[in-house]
Amino acid sequence: MPPTKQPAKQQQTRTFSPTPQSKGFRIKSARRDSHRNSFYWKTHTPDEVPPLPPDVDENGNKLPPIVAYVVTLTKCKSRSGSLDGAAILLHSIRRNSYGWTSLKEQMDESETTHDFDEQKWPLYGGNGGRYRYRAYVIVDPEASPNDPSKKGDCARYLQKLGYIVLHRAPLVPLFPITDEFHDMSSGGNEFFQNYKNSGYLGSARATSGPMARSPDEREDTLRIKIHNDGCCGYTETLKLHVYGLVEHPLAVHLDLDSLLLRPMDDLFDAMLGETSGEGLPLAKGPKTKTPDYSRPIDAAFTRDYNQVNAPSPEAQVGYQGGFLAVRPSLEVLERYRDILKRGEFVLNPVAQKRGWGGKFGAFYGSLTFQGLVPYYYEEVAPKGEHNEMELDRCRYNQMADNPRKSTYKFPRATPLDPDAMGFRDTKKCRDGREDCSDTDCQRVHPKDTVTTHFTFCKKPWDCSEGLPGTVADDTCKGLLREWFAIRRELEDWWMLLGKSGKELSYSNSKSLTAIQEQRNQAALDGHYLGYCKFPKEYLNLVEPDSPEL
């Protein structure tokens, strides 16, 4: 039965509010998690960024800048589809960066005996780009590759793929560092001593005025809420370390379920002041500001209007957490650290979210990254210092979302047959405007997309069927097909490299046999390109062979 036509359930009298005992357990559990993280840093220090390759070639010719592409890993689920996401994301970066030539050209220059099906290769990009790249993964100690248990498997796999691991601590501890669970008072390296003594979340909060805790707000209420916020809790703030990569002129943070369809060269040119940026696709929302095109762009983002509960032109909107491009700055990173120390996320008397500075809240993820970043740029940063740009979310970080609210309780794509689906669009735009047809991402063809983010279209490794029965279905299927096609190209490239055995590749007979057996299975074609079996059984990427030493 369609979701809006299901009969209402009889009113339940049972309550699921936490008991005092369970509240106490949750607080203690959150403190334990925070202390375990802090204890790790007693004997470890953040990894240094390895030196960058030379900026000139062997002939003395200047080479392009190296852009840092950054993902975050906070926990490990052994052999989850997101590991394939990391491999396909990295290849999508590689094939749209300087130094890459199309696989067709590479194949023509080789003496391969493999028979490649070019009809299953990507439709967009793949001819290189104007910027070099380096890939990093910011790792929480819970997922450290130094952990010999299964917890470290994911980071070890990402290292094998070519990501550089950077262990990073939260900018400040979530809870005060005490001896409650570990001996924190004696010993420890210099980093730990500075970390322990420099404050924790809310340690510098005002005791009076609009940013102070209300009389009925418990001391740990905000910390518990942040610990449980969004997908990843406080570890989501590790994304802010993208600002610390000052060895690079530019850094981009992407979620593992993202994909580059073509180079971001035009954006990078504008961020380095090589061009004005006037040709970039600017967002059209009510909060969109026109950047100063005479200055370099120092941050680029998209907003997430799907998380706004009560749309209006004045409603606060979070920055979408899956995409952020910045010119790194240690000064900006320190300002985020100060924001967390001040802990100025205001809660109302019944502990509902009002937001950072009393404004930036009441949406998904607002307690961490998605609320902190707009609070910084729109409220904290000195006026005029930054030149940030809100990009058109149908071109960058494209999620194929519907700009209008639905009669369904959650965001939904526009149904082709509202009566059959049981829900329909309302006339209300999620950004509060009267007309939002100029931001109808669900109807934007993949050929016009630079990067995509698999949220509404669901994850490729979950064998998403797209969004059948809606106008977004063709867009989703096109984006999903491109992900599977980039996977196919990656496999073929690894097969092509296998002859030398000097690079990560499919070089031994066991791997090549596994690939062939997988491709011979009776799997679903269409946009899945044979990588899913019915019902929704995803065929994992065959792990490549390490180079011969």
Protein backbone atom coordinates (compact mmCIF):
# COMPACT_ATOMS: atom_id res chain seq x y z
CA MET A 1 0.00 0.00 0.00
CA PRO A 2 1.44 3.47 -0.87
CA PRO A 3 2.98 5.16 2.18
CA THR A 4 0.46 8.00 2.40
CA LYS A 5 -2.52 5.63 2.12
CA GLN A 6 -1.62 3.32 4.97
CA PRO A 7 -4.16 3.35 7.82
CA ALA A 8 -3.06 5.24 10.90
CA LYS A 9 -1.93 3.04 13.74
CA GLN A 10 -3.82 3.15 17.00
CA GLN A 11 -2.34 5.68 19.37
CA GLN A 12 0.27 4.04 21.54
CA THR A 13 0.56 4.94 25.19
CA ARG A 14 3.95 3.34 25.69
CA THR A 15 6.87 5.78 25.89
CA PHE A 16 10.35 5.18 24.61
CA SER A 17 11.90 8.12 26.44
CA PRO A 18 15.19 7.08 28.03
CA THR A 19 15.06 6.20 31.69
CA PRO A 20 17.44 7.88 34.13
CA GLN A 21 19.50 4.66 34.09
CA SER A 22 19.76 4.56 30.29
CA LYS A 23 20.54 8.28 30.17
CA GLY A 24 23.39 7.70 32.60
CA PHE A 25 24.68 4.79 30.54
CA ARG A 26 24.63 6.85 27.34
CA ILE A 27 26.54 9.71 28.98
CA LYS A 28 29.13 7.33 30.40
CA SER A 29 29.46 5.54 27.06
CA ALA A 30 30.03 8.85 25.26
CA ARG A 31 32.67 9.85 27.82
CA ARG A 32 34.36 6.47 27.43
CA ASP A 33 34.51 6.86 23.63
CA SER A 34 35.98 10.34 23.98
CA HIS A 35 38.53 9.23 26.56
CA ARG A 36 39.58 6.23 24.46
CA ASN A 37 40.28 8.58 21.56
CA SER A 38 42.23 10.98 23.78
CA PHE A 39 44.23 8.13 25.32
CA TYR A 40 45.44 7.12 21.85
CA TRP A 41 47.11 10.49 21.46
CA LYS A 42 49.07 10.00 24.65
CA THR A 43 51.47 7.79 22.72
CA HIS A 44 50.82 8.88 19.11
CA THR A 45 51.12 12.11 17.14
CA PRO A 46 49.34 13.28 13.98
CA ASP A 47 51.03 12.10 10.79
CA GLU A 48 53.08 14.60 8.84
CA VAL A 49 52.14 15.23 5.22
CA PRO A 50 54.82 13.56 3.04
CA PRO A 51 56.83 15.94 0.83
CA LEU A 52 55.17 16.73 -2.48
CA PRO A 53 56.73 15.63 -5.78
CA PRO A 54 58.88 18.23 -7.61
CA ASP A 55 57.02 21.09 -9.30
CA VAL A 56 59.14 20.76 -12.44
CA ASP A 57 59.73 17.79 -14.74
CA GLU A 58 63.10 16.30 -15.70
CA ASN A 59 63.48 18.97 -18.39
CA GLY A 60 62.86 21.85 -16.00
CA ASN A 61 59.35 22.54 -17.27
CA LYS A 62 56.88 23.75 -14.64
CA LEU A 63 54.26 21.18 -13.67
CA PRO A 64 50.67 21.97 -12.60
CA PRO A 65 49.73 22.41 -8.92
CA ILE A 66 48.80 19.32 -6.91
CA VAL A 67 45.24 19.33 -5.53
CA ALA A 68 44.61 17.37 -2.32
CA TYR A 69 41.54 15.13 -2.49
CA VAL A 70 40.48 14.06 0.98
CA VAL A 71 38.11 11.42 2.38
CA THR A 72 37.47 10.49 6.01
CA LEU A 73 37.43 7.04 7.64
CA THR A 74 36.08 6.77 11.19
CA LYS A 75 35.27 3.06 11.48
CA CYS A 76 35.68 -0.11 9.43
CA LYS A 77 33.03 -2.53 8.25
CA SER A 78 34.97 -5.36 6.70
CA ARG A 79 34.57 -5.57 2.91
CA SER A 80 31.73 -3.10 2.78
CA GLY A 81 30.72 -1.58 -0.54
CA SER A 82 32.15 1.78 0.55
CA LEU A 83 35.64 0.30 0.03
CA ASP A 84 34.76 -0.17 -3.62
CA GLY A 85 33.46 3.39 -3.44
CA ALA A 86 36.94 4.52 -2.36
CA ALA A 87 38.54 2.70 -5.30
CA ILE A 88 36.08 4.02 -7.90
CA LEU A 89 36.22 7.57 -6.47
CA LEU A 90 40.02 7.55 -6.67
CA HIS A 91 39.93 6.33 -10.26
CA SER A 92 37.38 9.01 -11.16
CA ILE A 93 39.88 11.57 -9.80
CA ARG A 94 42.82 9.95 -11.60
CA ARG A 95 41.12 9.85 -15.01
CA ASN A 96 40.21 13.55 -14.75
CA SER A 97 43.64 14.78 -13.63
CA TYR A 98 46.93 15.74 -15.26
CA GLY A 99 48.98 12.83 -16.56
CA TRP A 100 46.10 10.57 -17.56
CA THR A 101 45.49 9.67 -21.18
CA SER A 102 42.31 7.94 -22.25
CA LEU A 103 42.24 4.21 -21.75
CA LYS A 104 41.65 3.78 -25.48
CA GLU A 105 44.97 5.51 -26.19
CA GLN A 106 46.74 3.44 -23.53
CA MET A 107 45.27 0.28 -24.99
CA ASP A 108 46.33 1.21 -28.53
CA GLU A 109 49.91 1.80 -27.33
CA SER A 110 50.12 -1.52 -25.51
CA GLU A 111 50.34 -5.05 -26.82
CA THR A 112 47.49 -6.32 -24.68
CA THR A 113 45.77 -9.57 -25.46
CA HIS A 114 42.74 -8.67 -23.37
CA ASP A 115 39.45 -8.11 -25.17
CA PHE A 116 37.88 -5.00 -23.65
CA ASP A 117 34.23 -4.04 -24.15
CA GLU A 118 34.44 -0.30 -24.72
CA GLN A 119 30.63 -0.05 -24.75
CA LYS A 120 30.78 -0.49 -20.97
CA TRP A 121 33.26 2.33 -20.41
CA PRO A 122 32.26 5.75 -19.02
CA LEU A 123 30.49 8.26 -21.25
CA TYR A 124 32.00 11.40 -19.71
CA GLY A 125 35.45 12.74 -18.80
CA GLY A 126 38.45 10.44 -18.81
CA ASN A 127 40.77 12.59 -20.93
CA GLY A 128 42.89 13.90 -18.07
CA GLY A 129 42.86 17.42 -16.65
CA ARG A 130 45.04 20.45 -15.98
CA TYR A 131 45.82 19.71 -12.30
CA ARG A 132 47.80 16.98 -10.59
CA TYR A 133 46.29 15.19 -7.60
CA ARG A 134 47.15 13.43 -4.38
CA ALA A 135 44.62 11.43 -2.34
CA TYR A 136 44.46 11.38 1.46
CA VAL A 137 42.31 9.57 3.98
CA ILE A 138 41.89 11.22 7.38
CA VAL A 139 41.69 8.36 9.85
CA ASP A 140 40.21 8.16 13.33
CA PRO A 141 42.17 5.88 15.72
CA GLU A 142 39.19 3.47 15.71
CA ALA A 143 40.02 2.70 12.07
CA SER A 144 43.82 2.98 12.21
CA PRO A 145 45.79 0.77 9.80
CA ASN A 146 48.21 0.22 12.69
CA ASP A 147 45.51 -1.81 14.45
CA PRO A 148 46.24 -5.45 13.49
CA SER A 149 42.60 -6.43 14.01
CA LYS A 150 39.84 -6.17 11.42
CA LYS A 151 39.32 -2.57 12.52
CA GLY A 152 42.41 -1.62 10.54
CA ASP A 153 41.53 -3.56 7.36
CA CYS A 154 39.74 -0.68 5.63
CA ALA A 155 42.54 1.84 6.07
CA ARG A 156 45.11 -0.75 4.95
CA TYR A 157 43.06 -1.35 1.81
CA LEU A 158 42.83 2.39 1.10
CA GLN A 159 46.60 2.63 1.54
CA LYS A 160 47.02 -0.15 -1.01
CA LEU A 161 44.78 1.74 -3.44
CA GLY A 162 46.99 4.83 -3.17
CA TYR A 163 45.48 6.95 -0.39
CA ILE A 164 47.92 8.50 2.08
CA VAL A 165 46.79 7.93 5.66
CA LEU A 166 46.71 10.92 8.00
CA HIS A 167 45.81 10.12 11.60
CA ARG A 168 44.10 13.16 13.09
CA ALA A 169 42.65 14.03 16.49
CA PRO A 170 39.45 16.04 16.91
CA LEU A 171 40.24 19.75 17.02
CA VAL A 172 39.38 19.63 20.74
CA PRO A 173 38.37 16.68 22.94
CA LEU A 174 34.60 16.22 23.21
CA PHE A 175 34.86 15.73 27.01
CA PRO A 176 37.48 16.92 29.51
CA ILE A 177 40.49 14.58 29.65
CA THR A 178 40.40 12.98 33.11
CA ASP A 179 41.54 9.75 34.77
CA GLU A 180 38.00 8.27 34.76
CA PHE A 181 38.86 5.42 32.37
CA HIS A 182 42.62 5.74 31.77
CA ASP A 183 45.66 7.22 33.43
CA MET A 184 45.77 10.60 31.74
CA SER A 185 47.65 12.58 34.38
CA SER A 186 51.12 11.08 34.00
CA GLY A 187 53.37 10.86 30.97
CA GLY A 188 52.35 11.45 27.40
CA ASN A 189 54.06 13.13 24.49
CA GLU A 190 54.20 16.87 23.88
CA PHE A 191 51.25 16.78 21.47
CA PHE A 192 49.10 15.05 24.10
CA GLN A 193 50.06 17.49 26.84
CA ASN A 194 49.12 20.45 24.64
CA TYR A 195 45.93 18.70 23.53
CA LYS A 196 44.90 17.94 27.12
CA ASN A 197 45.63 21.42 28.43
CA SER A 198 44.21 23.50 25.56
CA GLY A 199 40.54 22.96 26.41
CA TYR A 200 37.61 20.81 25.31
CA LEU A 201 34.23 21.32 23.73
CA GLY A 202 32.48 24.11 25.62
CA SER A 203 35.39 24.77 27.98
CA ALA A 204 35.43 28.45 26.99
CA ARG A 205 31.67 28.91 26.81
CA ALA A 206 30.28 32.20 28.03
CA THR A 207 28.73 32.06 31.50
CA SER A 208 26.28 34.84 30.76
CA GLY A 209 24.57 36.37 27.76
CA PRO A 210 22.81 34.79 24.75
CA MET A 211 25.50 32.11 24.20
CA ALA A 212 25.49 30.84 27.80
CA ARG A 213 23.82 27.58 28.82
CA SER A 214 20.24 28.01 29.92
CA PRO A 215 19.65 27.25 33.64
CA ASP A 216 17.91 23.95 32.87
CA GLU A 217 20.52 22.71 30.36
CA ARG A 218 22.75 20.04 31.86
CA GLU A 219 26.49 20.47 31.48
CA ASP A 220 26.87 17.48 29.15
CA THR A 221 23.68 17.91 27.11
CA LEU A 222 25.37 19.52 24.11
CA ARG A 223 28.25 17.02 24.15
CA ILE A 224 25.85 14.05 24.16
CA LYS A 225 23.85 15.55 21.32
CA ILE A 226 27.00 16.11 19.25
CA HIS A 227 28.20 12.58 20.05
CA ASN A 228 24.97 11.21 18.55
CA ASP A 229 24.48 13.73 15.74
CA GLY A 230 23.93 12.83 12.10
CA CYS A 231 25.69 9.85 10.56
CA CYS A 232 28.95 9.94 12.46
CA GLY A 233 28.66 12.09 15.56
CA TYR A 234 31.64 14.14 16.67
CA THR A 235 34.00 12.32 14.28
CA GLU A 236 32.27 14.22 11.45
CA THR A 237 34.32 17.25 12.52
CA LEU A 238 37.48 15.44 11.36
CA LYS A 239 36.53 16.71 7.89
CA LEU A 240 37.64 20.15 9.04
CA HIS A 241 41.25 18.98 8.83
CA VAL A 242 40.96 19.60 5.09
CA TYR A 243 41.88 23.20 6.01
CA GLY A 244 45.16 21.97 7.50
CA LEU A 245 46.64 20.66 4.24
CA VAL A 246 48.60 23.88 3.66
CA GLU A 247 51.22 21.98 1.66
CA HIS A 248 48.67 22.11 -1.17
CA PRO A 249 47.23 25.25 -2.78
CA LEU A 250 43.78 23.61 -2.91
CA ALA A 251 42.05 20.78 -1.04
CA VAL A 252 38.72 19.08 -1.71
CA HIS A 253 36.85 16.92 0.78
CA LEU A 254 34.52 14.32 -0.72
CA ASP A 255 32.45 11.53 0.79
CA LEU A 256 33.21 7.98 -0.34
CA ASP A 257 29.88 7.79 -2.16
CA SER A 258 30.92 10.63 -4.49
CA LEU A 259 32.19 10.54 -8.06
CA LEU A 260 33.90 12.89 -10.52
CA LEU A 261 32.35 12.76 -13.97
CA ARG A 262 34.70 15.36 -15.43
CA PRO A 263 37.56 17.62 -14.26
CA MET A 264 36.99 20.47 -11.81
CA ASP A 265 39.62 22.55 -13.60
CA ASP A 266 37.41 25.62 -14.08
CA LEU A 267 36.69 25.77 -10.35
CA PHE A 268 40.37 25.31 -9.49
CA ASP A 269 41.36 28.07 -11.93
CA ALA A 270 39.00 30.48 -10.16
CA MET A 271 40.22 29.44 -6.72
CA LEU A 272 43.83 30.14 -7.70
CA GLY A 273 42.98 33.42 -9.38
CA GLU A 274 43.88 32.14 -12.84
CA THR A 275 40.42 33.13 -14.10
CA SER A 276 37.62 35.27 -12.69
CA GLY A 277 35.18 32.44 -12.04
CA GLU A 278 32.29 34.27 -13.71
CA GLY A 279 31.56 31.25 -15.90
CA LEU A 280 31.15 28.87 -12.96
CA PRO A 281 27.62 27.62 -12.24
CA LEU A 282 26.47 29.73 -9.30
CA ALA A 283 23.58 28.54 -7.14
CA LYS A 284 20.26 30.36 -7.40
CA GLY A 285 18.95 30.10 -3.84
CA PRO A 286 17.73 32.96 -1.65
CA LYS A 287 20.94 32.88 0.42
CA THR A 288 23.29 32.72 -2.56
CA LYS A 289 25.76 35.62 -2.64
CA THR A 290 27.54 36.69 -5.77
CA PRO A 291 31.27 36.33 -5.10
CA ASP A 292 33.80 39.02 -5.87
CA TYR A 293 35.03 37.88 -9.26
CA SER A 294 38.07 40.15 -9.02
CA ARG A 295 39.46 37.97 -6.21
CA PRO A 296 40.29 34.25 -6.03
CA ILE A 297 37.51 32.02 -4.64
CA ASP A 298 38.75 30.58 -1.34
CA ALA A 299 35.90 28.15 -0.58
CA ALA A 300 33.25 26.43 -2.68
CA PHE A 301 30.30 24.45 -1.36
CA THR A 302 26.70 23.42 -1.98
CA ARG A 303 23.75 23.78 0.38
CA ASP A 304 21.41 20.99 1.45
CA TYR A 305 17.87 22.34 1.27
CA ASN A 306 16.44 18.86 1.81
CA GLN A 307 17.19 19.16 5.53
CA VAL A 308 15.14 22.34 6.04
CA ASN A 309 12.04 21.57 8.09
CA ALA A 310 10.15 24.81 7.51
CA PRO A 311 11.19 26.30 4.15
CA SER A 312 11.35 30.07 3.86
CA PRO A 313 13.82 32.53 2.33
CA GLU A 314 15.03 33.28 5.88
CA ALA A 315 15.50 29.65 7.00
CA GLN A 316 19.04 28.63 7.90
CA VAL A 317 20.42 26.00 5.54
CA GLY A 318 23.34 23.69 6.16
CA TYR A 319 26.23 23.15 3.78
CA GLN A 320 26.05 19.68 2.28
CA GLY A 321 28.62 17.49 4.05
CA GLY A 322 29.80 15.54 1.00
CA PHE A 323 31.63 18.33 -0.83
CA LEU A 324 33.87 21.21 0.24
CA ALA A 325 36.70 22.78 -1.77
CA VAL A 326 39.01 25.21 0.07
CA ARG A 327 42.27 27.05 -0.04
CA PRO A 328 43.84 25.52 3.10
CA SER A 329 44.59 27.84 6.01
CA LEU A 330 45.88 27.07 9.50
CA GLU A 331 44.33 30.32 10.73
CA VAL A 332 40.88 29.17 9.61
CA LEU A 333 41.46 25.77 11.22
CA GLU A 334 42.30 27.48 14.53
CA ARG A 335 39.10 29.53 14.32
CA TYR A 336 37.08 26.31 14.09
CA ARG A 337 38.95 25.06 17.14
CA ASP A 338 37.96 28.22 19.01
CA ILE A 339 34.31 27.82 17.96
CA LEU A 340 34.27 24.31 19.43
CA LYS A 341 35.89 25.49 22.65
CA ARG A 342 33.26 28.18 23.00
CA GLY A 343 30.57 25.56 22.39
CA GLU A 344 28.08 28.23 21.39
CA PHE A 345 25.38 25.96 20.05
CA VAL A 346 22.23 27.31 21.67
CA LEU A 347 19.53 24.90 22.81
CA ASN A 348 16.04 25.99 23.76
CA PRO A 349 14.51 25.14 27.16
CA VAL A 350 13.33 21.71 26.02
CA ALA A 351 16.75 20.94 24.53
CA GLN A 352 15.70 21.25 20.90
CA LYS A 353 18.26 22.59 18.42
CA ARG A 354 18.47 26.31 17.75
CA GLY A 355 21.94 26.28 16.38
CA TRP A 356 25.46 27.66 16.41
CA GLY A 357 25.24 31.27 17.47
CA GLY A 358 21.53 30.66 18.06
CA LYS A 359 20.93 30.57 14.28
CA PHE A 360 22.63 27.73 12.44
CA GLY A 361 20.71 24.64 13.50
CA ALA A 362 17.46 22.68 13.33
CA PHE A 363 18.64 20.61 10.34
CA TYR A 364 20.36 17.26 9.91
CA GLY A 365 24.05 17.37 10.85
CA SER A 366 23.77 20.91 12.19
CA LEU A 367 25.65 20.11 15.39
CA THR A 368 28.79 19.20 13.48
CA PHE A 369 30.15 19.83 9.98
CA GLN A 370 26.96 20.90 8.18
CA GLY A 371 26.23 23.56 10.77
CA LEU A 372 29.75 24.59 11.75
CA VAL A 373 30.91 25.52 8.26
CA PRO A 374 28.08 27.97 7.43
CA TYR A 375 28.34 29.41 10.94
CA TYR A 376 32.01 30.12 10.33
CA TYR A 377 31.64 31.72 6.89
CA GLU A 378 28.42 33.62 7.54
CA GLU A 379 28.84 34.68 11.16
CA VAL A 380 32.34 34.22 12.61
CA ALA A 381 34.83 35.05 9.86
CA PRO A 382 35.81 38.74 9.60
CA LYS A 383 33.54 40.41 7.09
CA GLY A 384 35.03 40.55 3.62
CA GLU A 385 37.97 38.29 4.46
CA HIS A 386 36.68 35.31 2.53
CA ASN A 387 35.34 35.03 -0.98
CA GLU A 388 33.24 31.88 -0.76
CA MET A 389 31.00 30.55 -3.52
CA GLU A 390 27.80 28.53 -3.36
CA LEU A 391 27.88 26.30 -6.43
CA ASP A 392 24.86 25.06 -8.38
CA ARG A 393 24.06 21.81 -6.61
CA CYS A 394 22.77 20.26 -9.86
CA ARG A 395 26.29 20.51 -11.37
CA TYR A 396 28.54 20.02 -8.36
CA ASN A 397 27.66 17.45 -5.69
CA GLN A 398 24.61 16.52 -7.79
CA MET A 399 22.14 14.38 -5.81
CA ALA A 400 19.21 14.42 -8.29
CA ASP A 401 16.93 15.89 -5.62
CA ASN A 402 13.52 17.49 -6.01
CA PRO A 403 13.43 21.26 -5.30
CA ARG A 404 9.84 21.03 -4.03
CA LYS A 405 8.40 19.55 -0.87
CA SER A 406 6.42 16.34 -1.13
CA THR A 407 3.23 15.29 0.63
CA TYR A 408 5.32 12.39 1.91
CA LYS A 409 6.99 13.02 5.24
CA PHE A 410 10.51 12.82 3.74
CA PRO A 411 11.95 14.37 0.55
CA ARG A 412 10.81 12.46 -2.52
CA ALA A 413 11.31 12.80 -6.27
CA THR A 414 8.40 14.01 -8.40
CA PRO A 415 6.13 11.00 -9.08
CA LEU A 416 5.04 10.26 -12.65
CA ASP A 417 1.70 8.94 -11.33
CA PRO A 418 0.96 10.56 -7.94
CA ASP A 419 -2.11 8.42 -7.29
CA ALA A 420 -0.22 5.19 -7.85
CA MET A 421 2.78 6.30 -5.79
CA GLY A 422 0.67 7.70 -2.95
CA PHE A 423 2.41 11.05 -2.74
CA ARG A 424 2.83 14.16 -4.87
CA ASP A 425 4.73 17.42 -5.04
CA THR A 426 3.40 20.42 -3.16
CA LYS A 427 3.73 23.97 -4.46
CA LYS A 428 6.24 24.81 -1.73
CA CYS A 429 9.88 25.16 -2.78
CA ARG A 430 12.41 23.80 -0.29
CA ASP A 431 14.47 26.99 -0.55
CA GLY A 432 11.45 29.20 0.20
CA ARG A 433 11.16 30.77 -3.26
CA GLU A 434 7.94 30.93 -5.27
CA ASP A 435 9.60 29.32 -8.31
CA CYS A 436 12.48 26.86 -8.02
CA SER A 437 12.28 25.26 -11.46
CA ASP A 438 15.79 26.59 -12.19
CA THR A 439 17.21 24.17 -9.58
CA ASP A 440 15.38 20.97 -10.52
CA CYS A 441 18.34 18.64 -10.13
CA GLN A 442 16.27 15.50 -10.62
CA ARG A 443 15.87 16.54 -14.28
CA VAL A 444 19.51 17.53 -14.96
CA HIS A 445 21.23 15.09 -17.30
CA PRO A 446 24.54 13.51 -16.17
CA LYS A 447 26.27 15.07 -19.19
CA ASP A 448 25.89 18.43 -17.41
CA THR A 449 27.23 17.18 -14.07
CA VAL A 450 30.78 17.68 -12.75
CA THR A 451 30.57 15.68 -9.50
CA THR A 452 27.79 13.56 -8.06
CA HIS A 453 26.93 12.27 -4.59
CA PHE A 454 24.87 9.09 -4.22
CA THR A 455 22.31 10.01 -1.59
CA PHE A 456 18.83 10.19 -3.14
CA CYS A 457 19.80 7.80 -5.94
CA LYS A 458 21.12 5.43 -3.24
CA LYS A 459 24.45 3.62 -3.24
CA PRO A 460 25.68 1.76 -6.31
CA TRP A 461 26.99 -1.08 -4.11
CA ASP A 462 23.48 -1.52 -2.73
CA CYS A 463 22.46 -2.27 -6.33
CA SER A 464 20.16 0.74 -6.41
CA GLU A 465 17.48 0.45 -9.04
CA GLY A 466 17.32 4.24 -9.33
CA LEU A 467 14.02 5.91 -8.45
CA PRO A 468 11.38 4.06 -10.51
CA GLY A 469 8.08 5.83 -11.07
CA THR A 470 9.62 9.30 -10.69
CA VAL A 471 11.10 11.93 -12.99
CA ALA A 472 14.47 11.38 -11.26
CA ASP A 473 14.76 7.79 -12.46
CA ASP A 474 16.55 8.53 -15.74
CA THR A 475 18.99 10.88 -14.02
CA CYS A 476 19.74 8.38 -11.26
CA LYS A 477 20.18 5.49 -13.67
CA GLY A 478 22.54 7.63 -15.76
CA LEU A 479 24.65 8.54 -12.72
CA LEU A 480 24.66 4.96 -11.41
CA ARG A 481 25.63 3.64 -14.85
CA GLU A 482 28.59 6.03 -14.87
CA TRP A 483 29.81 4.71 -11.49
CA PHE A 484 29.65 1.11 -12.70
CA ALA A 485 31.32 2.15 -16.00
CA ILE A 486 34.21 3.80 -14.13
CA ARG A 487 34.54 0.59 -12.14
CA ARG A 488 34.72 -1.33 -15.43
CA GLU A 489 37.38 1.02 -16.76
CA LEU A 490 39.39 0.65 -13.54
CA GLU A 491 39.32 -3.14 -13.84
CA ASP A 492 40.37 -2.98 -17.50
CA TRP A 493 43.16 -0.53 -16.63
CA TRP A 494 44.45 -2.84 -13.90
CA MET A 495 44.40 -5.69 -16.42
CA LEU A 496 46.33 -3.52 -18.86
CA LEU A 497 48.95 -2.73 -16.20
CA GLY A 498 49.26 -6.37 -15.18
CA LYS A 499 51.83 -7.18 -17.84
CA SER A 500 54.61 -5.26 -16.06
CA GLY A 501 53.67 -6.27 -12.52
CA LYS A 502 55.36 -3.09 -11.30
CA GLU A 503 52.18 -1.26 -10.35
CA LEU A 504 48.97 -2.06 -8.54
CA SER A 505 47.18 -4.23 -11.09
CA TYR A 506 45.64 -7.57 -11.98
CA SER A 507 48.88 -9.37 -12.66
CA ASN A 508 48.47 -12.96 -11.45
CA SER A 509 46.29 -15.68 -12.92
CA LYS A 510 44.15 -16.00 -9.79
CA SER A 511 42.96 -12.37 -10.02
CA LEU A 512 42.42 -12.55 -13.78
CA THR A 513 40.41 -15.75 -13.41
CA ALA A 514 38.28 -14.19 -10.66
CA ILE A 515 37.54 -11.20 -12.91
CA GLN A 516 36.56 -13.44 -15.81
CA GLU A 517 34.37 -15.66 -13.64
CA GLN A 518 32.63 -12.61 -12.24
CA ARG A 519 31.96 -11.23 -15.71
CA ASN A 520 30.59 -14.59 -16.87
CA GLN A 521 27.95 -14.73 -14.12
CA ALA A 522 24.29 -14.32 -15.02
CA ALA A 523 24.10 -10.82 -13.56
CA LEU A 524 21.84 -7.87 -14.26
CA ASP A 525 22.84 -5.68 -17.16
CA GLY A 526 21.25 -2.26 -17.81
CA HIS A 527 22.85 0.43 -15.69
CA TYR A 528 24.39 -2.24 -13.43
CA LEU A 529 26.69 -3.38 -16.27
CA GLY A 530 26.67 -6.90 -14.83
CA TYR A 531 27.87 -6.01 -11.32
CA CYS A 532 24.64 -6.88 -9.51
CA LYS A 533 22.74 -10.15 -9.29
CA PHE A 534 19.07 -10.42 -8.48
CA PRO A 535 17.93 -9.63 -5.84
CA LYS A 536 20.37 -6.82 -5.08
CA GLU A 537 23.46 -8.99 -4.66
CA TYR A 538 26.46 -6.76 -5.36
CA LEU A 539 29.59 -8.35 -6.83
CA ASN A 540 32.55 -6.85 -5.00
CA LEU A 541 35.55 -5.49 -6.84
CA VAL A 542 38.30 -8.13 -7.07
CA GLU A 543 41.19 -6.84 -4.96
CA PRO A 544 44.17 -5.86 -7.13
CA ASP A 545 47.60 -7.44 -6.77
CA SER A 546 50.38 -5.50 -5.09
CA PRO A 547 53.34 -4.48 -7.25
CA GLU A 548 56.30 -6.82 -7.46
CA LEU A 549 59.20 -5.62 -5.33
